[in-house]
Amino acid sequence: MSLKSKIEIDYQNSVKSKDKSKISTYRLILSSIKDLEIANRSGPKKKDTEDNDIKQLIKKMIKQRNESIEIYKKNNRQDLLEVEEKEVSILSSYLPKQLSDDETKDICQKTIQEANAQSIKDMGKVMGILKKNYSDSLDFAKAGKILKDILNKT
């Protein structure tokens, strides 16, 4: 079953259960997927929308919500904060489990050793290896910060 089909089924179930917060989140997701499909069908690089495209879209949506969460925390807007956190939890359920901070740090250190990276100049090479091997399970914003810290110390 494709990821889009799974989301559509979950949306239908939320409509049946009359869960308003889930309904609005699923509508946002499906609307974004439809926009992505339209973009993929038009233009010079026509292609079908695949699960990986949808995963990238969901990652982008999570990143946007996490940025909003930080703003709401700073401005003490608990009502909006809770809405965004619920959306993040729903969106995250469609992605593979993300690695913890400690696991991310371990992977970054191992990859630095594998790539024989000596300084911050080698960061691109290390990120390339990380993206090739851990594209679904690694938060690259976190990994980037960790890599900068490690490579700046060497």
C-alpha atoms as a PDB file:
ATOM      1  CA  MET A   1       0.000   0.000   0.000  1.00  0.00           C
ATOM      2  CA  SER A   2       1.364   3.411  -0.907  1.00  0.00           C
ATOM      3  CA  LEU A   3       1.936   6.077   1.705  1.00  0.00           C
ATOM      4  CA  LYS A   4      -0.714   8.302   0.131  1.00  0.00           C
ATOM      5  CA  SER A   5      -3.290   5.480   0.355  1.00  0.00           C
ATOM      6  CA  LYS A   6      -2.447   4.937   4.011  1.00  0.00           C
ATOM      7  CA  ILE A   7      -2.909   8.651   4.728  1.00  0.00           C
ATOM      8  CA  GLU A   8      -6.231   8.679   2.854  1.00  0.00           C
ATOM      9  CA  ILE A   9      -7.494   5.701   4.875  1.00  0.00           C
ATOM     10  CA  ASP A  10      -6.420   7.364   8.131  1.00  0.00           C
ATOM     11  CA  TYR A  11      -8.199  10.533   7.012  1.00  0.00           C
ATOM     12  CA  GLN A  12     -11.404   8.623   6.332  1.00  0.00           C
ATOM     13  CA  ASN A  13     -11.171   6.967   9.752  1.00  0.00           C
ATOM     14  CA  SER A  14     -10.704  10.331  11.450  1.00  0.00           C
ATOM     15  CA  VAL A  15     -13.778  11.666   9.624  1.00  0.00           C
ATOM     16  CA  LYS A  16     -15.787   8.682  10.859  1.00  0.00           C
ATOM     17  CA  SER A  17     -14.565   9.215  14.420  1.00  0.00           C
ATOM     18  CA  LYS A  18     -15.198  12.994  14.113  1.00  0.00           C
ATOM     19  CA  ASP A  19     -11.761  13.906  15.460  1.00  0.00           C
ATOM     20  CA  LYS A  20     -11.508  17.535  14.310  1.00  0.00           C
ATOM     21  CA  SER A  21      -7.802  18.018  14.995  1.00  0.00           C
ATOM     22  CA  LYS A  22      -6.857  14.894  13.020  1.00  0.00           C
ATOM     23  CA  ILE A  23      -9.244  15.787  10.197  1.00  0.00           C
ATOM     24  CA  SER A  24      -7.642  19.208   9.719  1.00  0.00           C
ATOM     25  CA  THR A  25      -4.123  17.741   9.839  1.00  0.00           C
ATOM     26  CA  TYR A  26      -4.942  15.032   7.288  1.00  0.00           C
ATOM     27  CA  ARG A  27      -6.534  17.635   5.022  1.00  0.00           C
ATOM     28  CA  LEU A  28      -3.322  19.665   5.184  1.00  0.00           C
ATOM     29  CA  ILE A  29      -1.248  16.606   4.326  1.00  0.00           C
ATOM     30  CA  LEU A  30      -3.488  15.515   1.450  1.00  0.00           C
ATOM     31  CA  SER A  31      -3.632  19.061   0.094  1.00  0.00           C
ATOM     32  CA  SER A  32       0.161  19.272   0.137  1.00  0.00           C
ATOM     33  CA  ILE A  33       0.426  15.892  -1.580  1.00  0.00           C
ATOM     34  CA  LYS A  34      -1.984  17.054  -4.282  1.00  0.00           C
ATOM     35  CA  ASP A  35       0.132  20.208  -4.802  1.00  0.00           C
ATOM     36  CA  LEU A  36       3.222  18.025  -5.071  1.00  0.00           C
ATOM     37  CA  GLU A  37       1.540  15.765  -7.629  1.00  0.00           C
ATOM     38  CA  ILE A  38       0.526  18.767  -9.716  1.00  0.00           C
ATOM     39  CA  ALA A  39       4.073  20.136  -9.571  1.00  0.00           C
ATOM     40  CA  ASN A  40       5.479  16.746 -10.576  1.00  0.00           C
ATOM     41  CA  ARG A  41       3.092  16.435 -13.540  1.00  0.00           C
ATOM     42  CA  SER A  42       3.888  19.842 -14.967  1.00  0.00           C
ATOM     43  CA  GLY A  43       7.156  21.407 -15.953  1.00  0.00           C
ATOM     44  CA  PRO A  44      10.161  19.957 -17.728  1.00  0.00           C
ATOM     45  CA  LYS A  45      10.816  17.084 -15.291  1.00  0.00           C
ATOM     46  CA  LYS A  46       7.523  15.183 -15.374  1.00  0.00           C
ATOM     47  CA  LYS A  47       7.373  12.194 -13.041  1.00  0.00           C
ATOM     48  CA  ASP A  48       5.011  10.212 -10.857  1.00  0.00           C
ATOM     49  CA  THR A  49       4.870  11.095  -7.182  1.00  0.00           C
ATOM     50  CA  GLU A  50       6.546   8.358  -5.160  1.00  0.00           C
ATOM     51  CA  ASP A  51       6.567   7.508  -1.455  1.00  0.00           C
ATOM     52  CA  ASN A  52      10.012   9.098  -1.095  1.00  0.00           C
ATOM     53  CA  ASP A  53       8.643  12.377  -2.462  1.00  0.00           C
ATOM     54  CA  ILE A  54       5.835  12.256   0.089  1.00  0.00           C
ATOM     55  CA  LYS A  55       8.299  11.461   2.895  1.00  0.00           C
ATOM     56  CA  GLN A  56      10.362  14.502   1.919  1.00  0.00           C
ATOM     57  CA  LEU A  57       7.195  16.607   1.940  1.00  0.00           C
ATOM     58  CA  ILE A  58       6.252  15.330   5.399  1.00  0.00           C
ATOM     59  CA  LYS A  59       9.770  16.070   6.687  1.00  0.00           C
ATOM     60  CA  LYS A  60       9.424  19.610   5.382  1.00  0.00           C
ATOM     61  CA  MET A  61       6.038  19.974   7.078  1.00  0.00           C
ATOM     62  CA  ILE A  62       7.487  18.703  10.371  1.00  0.00           C
ATOM     63  CA  LYS A  63      10.367  21.157  10.109  1.00  0.00           C
ATOM     64  CA  GLN A  64       7.917  24.038   9.582  1.00  0.00           C
ATOM     65  CA  ARG A  65       5.893  22.976  12.611  1.00  0.00           C
ATOM     66  CA  ASN A  66       8.979  22.607  14.780  1.00  0.00           C
ATOM     67  CA  GLU A  67       9.963  26.160  13.884  1.00  0.00           C
ATOM     68  CA  SER A  68       6.478  27.327  14.848  1.00  0.00           C
ATOM     69  CA  ILE A  69       6.685  25.382  18.117  1.00  0.00           C
ATOM     70  CA  GLU A  70       9.873  27.248  19.054  1.00  0.00           C
ATOM     71  CA  ILE A  71       8.194  30.588  18.353  1.00  0.00           C
ATOM     72  CA  TYR A  72       5.113  29.630  20.368  1.00  0.00           C
ATOM     73  CA  LYS A  73       7.286  28.544  23.301  1.00  0.00           C
ATOM     74  CA  LYS A  74       9.103  31.887  23.280  1.00  0.00           C
ATOM     75  CA  ASN A  75       5.823  33.800  23.153  1.00  0.00           C
ATOM     76  CA  ASN A  76       4.100  31.571  25.724  1.00  0.00           C
ATOM     77  CA  ARG A  77       1.240  30.559  23.386  1.00  0.00           C
ATOM     78  CA  GLN A  78       0.285  27.204  24.899  1.00  0.00           C
ATOM     79  CA  ASP A  79      -2.925  26.874  22.847  1.00  0.00           C
ATOM     80  CA  LEU A  80      -1.117  27.125  19.501  1.00  0.00           C
ATOM     81  CA  LEU A  81       1.801  25.067  20.799  1.00  0.00           C
ATOM     82  CA  GLU A  82      -0.460  22.092  21.539  1.00  0.00           C
ATOM     83  CA  VAL A  83      -2.018  22.212  18.056  1.00  0.00           C
ATOM     84  CA  GLU A  84       1.405  22.188  16.374  1.00  0.00           C
ATOM     85  CA  GLU A  85       2.658  19.361  18.597  1.00  0.00           C
ATOM     86  CA  LYS A  86      -0.369  17.211  17.702  1.00  0.00           C
ATOM     87  CA  GLU A  87       0.288  17.856  14.014  1.00  0.00           C
ATOM     88  CA  VAL A  88       3.953  16.887  14.414  1.00  0.00           C
ATOM     89  CA  SER A  89       3.002  13.623  16.111  1.00  0.00           C
ATOM     90  CA  ILE A  90       0.559  12.751  13.306  1.00  0.00           C
ATOM     91  CA  LEU A  91       3.084  13.675  10.606  1.00  0.00           C
ATOM     92  CA  SER A  92       5.881  11.756  12.326  1.00  0.00           C
ATOM     93  CA  SER A  93       3.837   8.582  12.347  1.00  0.00           C
ATOM     94  CA  TYR A  94       4.341   8.346   8.551  1.00  0.00           C
ATOM     95  CA  LEU A  95       8.121   8.461   8.735  1.00  0.00           C
ATOM     96  CA  PRO A  96      10.579   5.860   9.948  1.00  0.00           C
ATOM     97  CA  LYS A  97      11.659   6.335  13.558  1.00  0.00           C
ATOM     98  CA  GLN A  98      14.195   9.138  13.819  1.00  0.00           C
ATOM     99  CA  LEU A  99      17.450   8.441  15.623  1.00  0.00           C
ATOM    100  CA  SER A 100      18.036   9.948  19.061  1.00  0.00           C
ATOM    101  CA  ASP A 101      20.654  12.635  19.732  1.00  0.00           C
ATOM    102  CA  ASP A 102      23.133  10.087  21.095  1.00  0.00           C
ATOM    103  CA  GLU A 103      22.647   7.732  18.149  1.00  0.00           C
ATOM    104  CA  THR A 104      23.041  10.658  15.736  1.00  0.00           C
ATOM    105  CA  LYS A 105      26.279  11.718  17.447  1.00  0.00           C
ATOM    106  CA  ASP A 106      27.659   8.155  17.290  1.00  0.00           C
ATOM    107  CA  ILE A 107      26.829   7.852  13.595  1.00  0.00           C
ATOM    108  CA  CYS A 108      28.394  11.244  12.868  1.00  0.00           C
ATOM    109  CA  GLN A 109      31.617  10.284  14.654  1.00  0.00           C
ATOM    110  CA  LYS A 110      31.837   6.948  12.835  1.00  0.00           C
ATOM    111  CA  THR A 111      31.165   8.597   9.482  1.00  0.00           C
ATOM    112  CA  ILE A 112      33.843  11.222  10.135  1.00  0.00           C
ATOM    113  CA  GLN A 113      36.337   8.432  10.799  1.00  0.00           C
ATOM    114  CA  GLU A 114      35.221   6.488   7.698  1.00  0.00           C
ATOM    115  CA  ALA A 115      35.574   9.558   5.494  1.00  0.00           C
ATOM    116  CA  ASN A 116      38.865  10.464   7.176  1.00  0.00           C
ATOM    117  CA  ALA A 117      37.528  13.995   7.632  1.00  0.00           C
ATOM    118  CA  GLN A 118      40.046  16.371   9.195  1.00  0.00           C
ATOM    119  CA  SER A 119      38.337  19.769   9.247  1.00  0.00           C
ATOM    120  CA  ILE A 120      35.138  21.648   8.547  1.00  0.00           C
ATOM    121  CA  LYS A 121      36.163  21.666   4.871  1.00  0.00           C
ATOM    122  CA  ASP A 122      35.302  17.947   4.753  1.00  0.00           C
ATOM    123  CA  MET A 123      31.766  18.469   6.049  1.00  0.00           C
ATOM    124  CA  GLY A 124      30.204  18.157   2.594  1.00  0.00           C
ATOM    125  CA  LYS A 125      31.834  14.803   2.034  1.00  0.00           C
ATOM    126  CA  VAL A 126      30.598  13.531   5.426  1.00  0.00           C
ATOM    127  CA  MET A 127      27.062  14.857   4.843  1.00  0.00           C
ATOM    128  CA  GLY A 128      26.995  13.116   1.469  1.00  0.00           C
ATOM    129  CA  ILE A 129      27.799   9.784   3.111  1.00  0.00           C
ATOM    130  CA  LEU A 130      25.200  10.380   5.824  1.00  0.00           C
ATOM    131  CA  LYS A 131      22.509  11.218   3.264  1.00  0.00           C
ATOM    132  CA  LYS A 132      23.340   8.131   1.248  1.00  0.00           C
ATOM    133  CA  ASN A 133      23.209   5.788   4.244  1.00  0.00           C
ATOM    134  CA  TYR A 134      20.701   7.367   6.642  1.00  0.00           C
ATOM    135  CA  SER A 135      18.341   9.502   4.550  1.00  0.00           C
ATOM    136  CA  ASP A 136      15.165   8.221   6.229  1.00  0.00           C
ATOM    137  CA  SER A 137      16.219   7.960   9.850  1.00  0.00           C
ATOM    138  CA  LEU A 138      18.521  10.930  10.437  1.00  0.00           C
ATOM    139  CA  ASP A 139      17.575  14.521  11.249  1.00  0.00           C
ATOM    140  CA  PHE A 140      20.096  16.394   9.109  1.00  0.00           C
ATOM    141  CA  ALA A 141      19.675  19.686  10.954  1.00  0.00           C
ATOM    142  CA  LYS A 142      20.812  17.920  14.131  1.00  0.00           C
ATOM    143  CA  ALA A 143      23.542  16.053  12.275  1.00  0.00           C
ATOM    144  CA  GLY A 144      24.847  19.282  10.750  1.00  0.00           C
ATOM    145  CA  LYS A 145      25.235  20.928  14.167  1.00  0.00           C
ATOM    146  CA  ILE A 146      26.954  17.847  15.585  1.00  0.00           C
ATOM    147  CA  LEU A 147      29.316  17.631  12.593  1.00  0.00           C
ATOM    148  CA  LYS A 148      30.255  21.309  12.935  1.00  0.00           C
ATOM    149  CA  ASP A 149      31.017  20.845  16.622  1.00  0.00           C
ATOM    150  CA  ILE A 150      33.142  17.752  16.057  1.00  0.00           C
ATOM    151  CA  LEU A 151      34.985  19.046  12.967  1.00  0.00           C
ATOM    152  CA  ASN A 152      35.722  22.446  14.506  1.00  0.00           C
ATOM    153  CA  LYS A 153      37.417  20.747  17.470  1.00  0.00           C
ATOM    154  CA  THR A 154      39.759  18.717  15.269  1.00  0.00           C
END
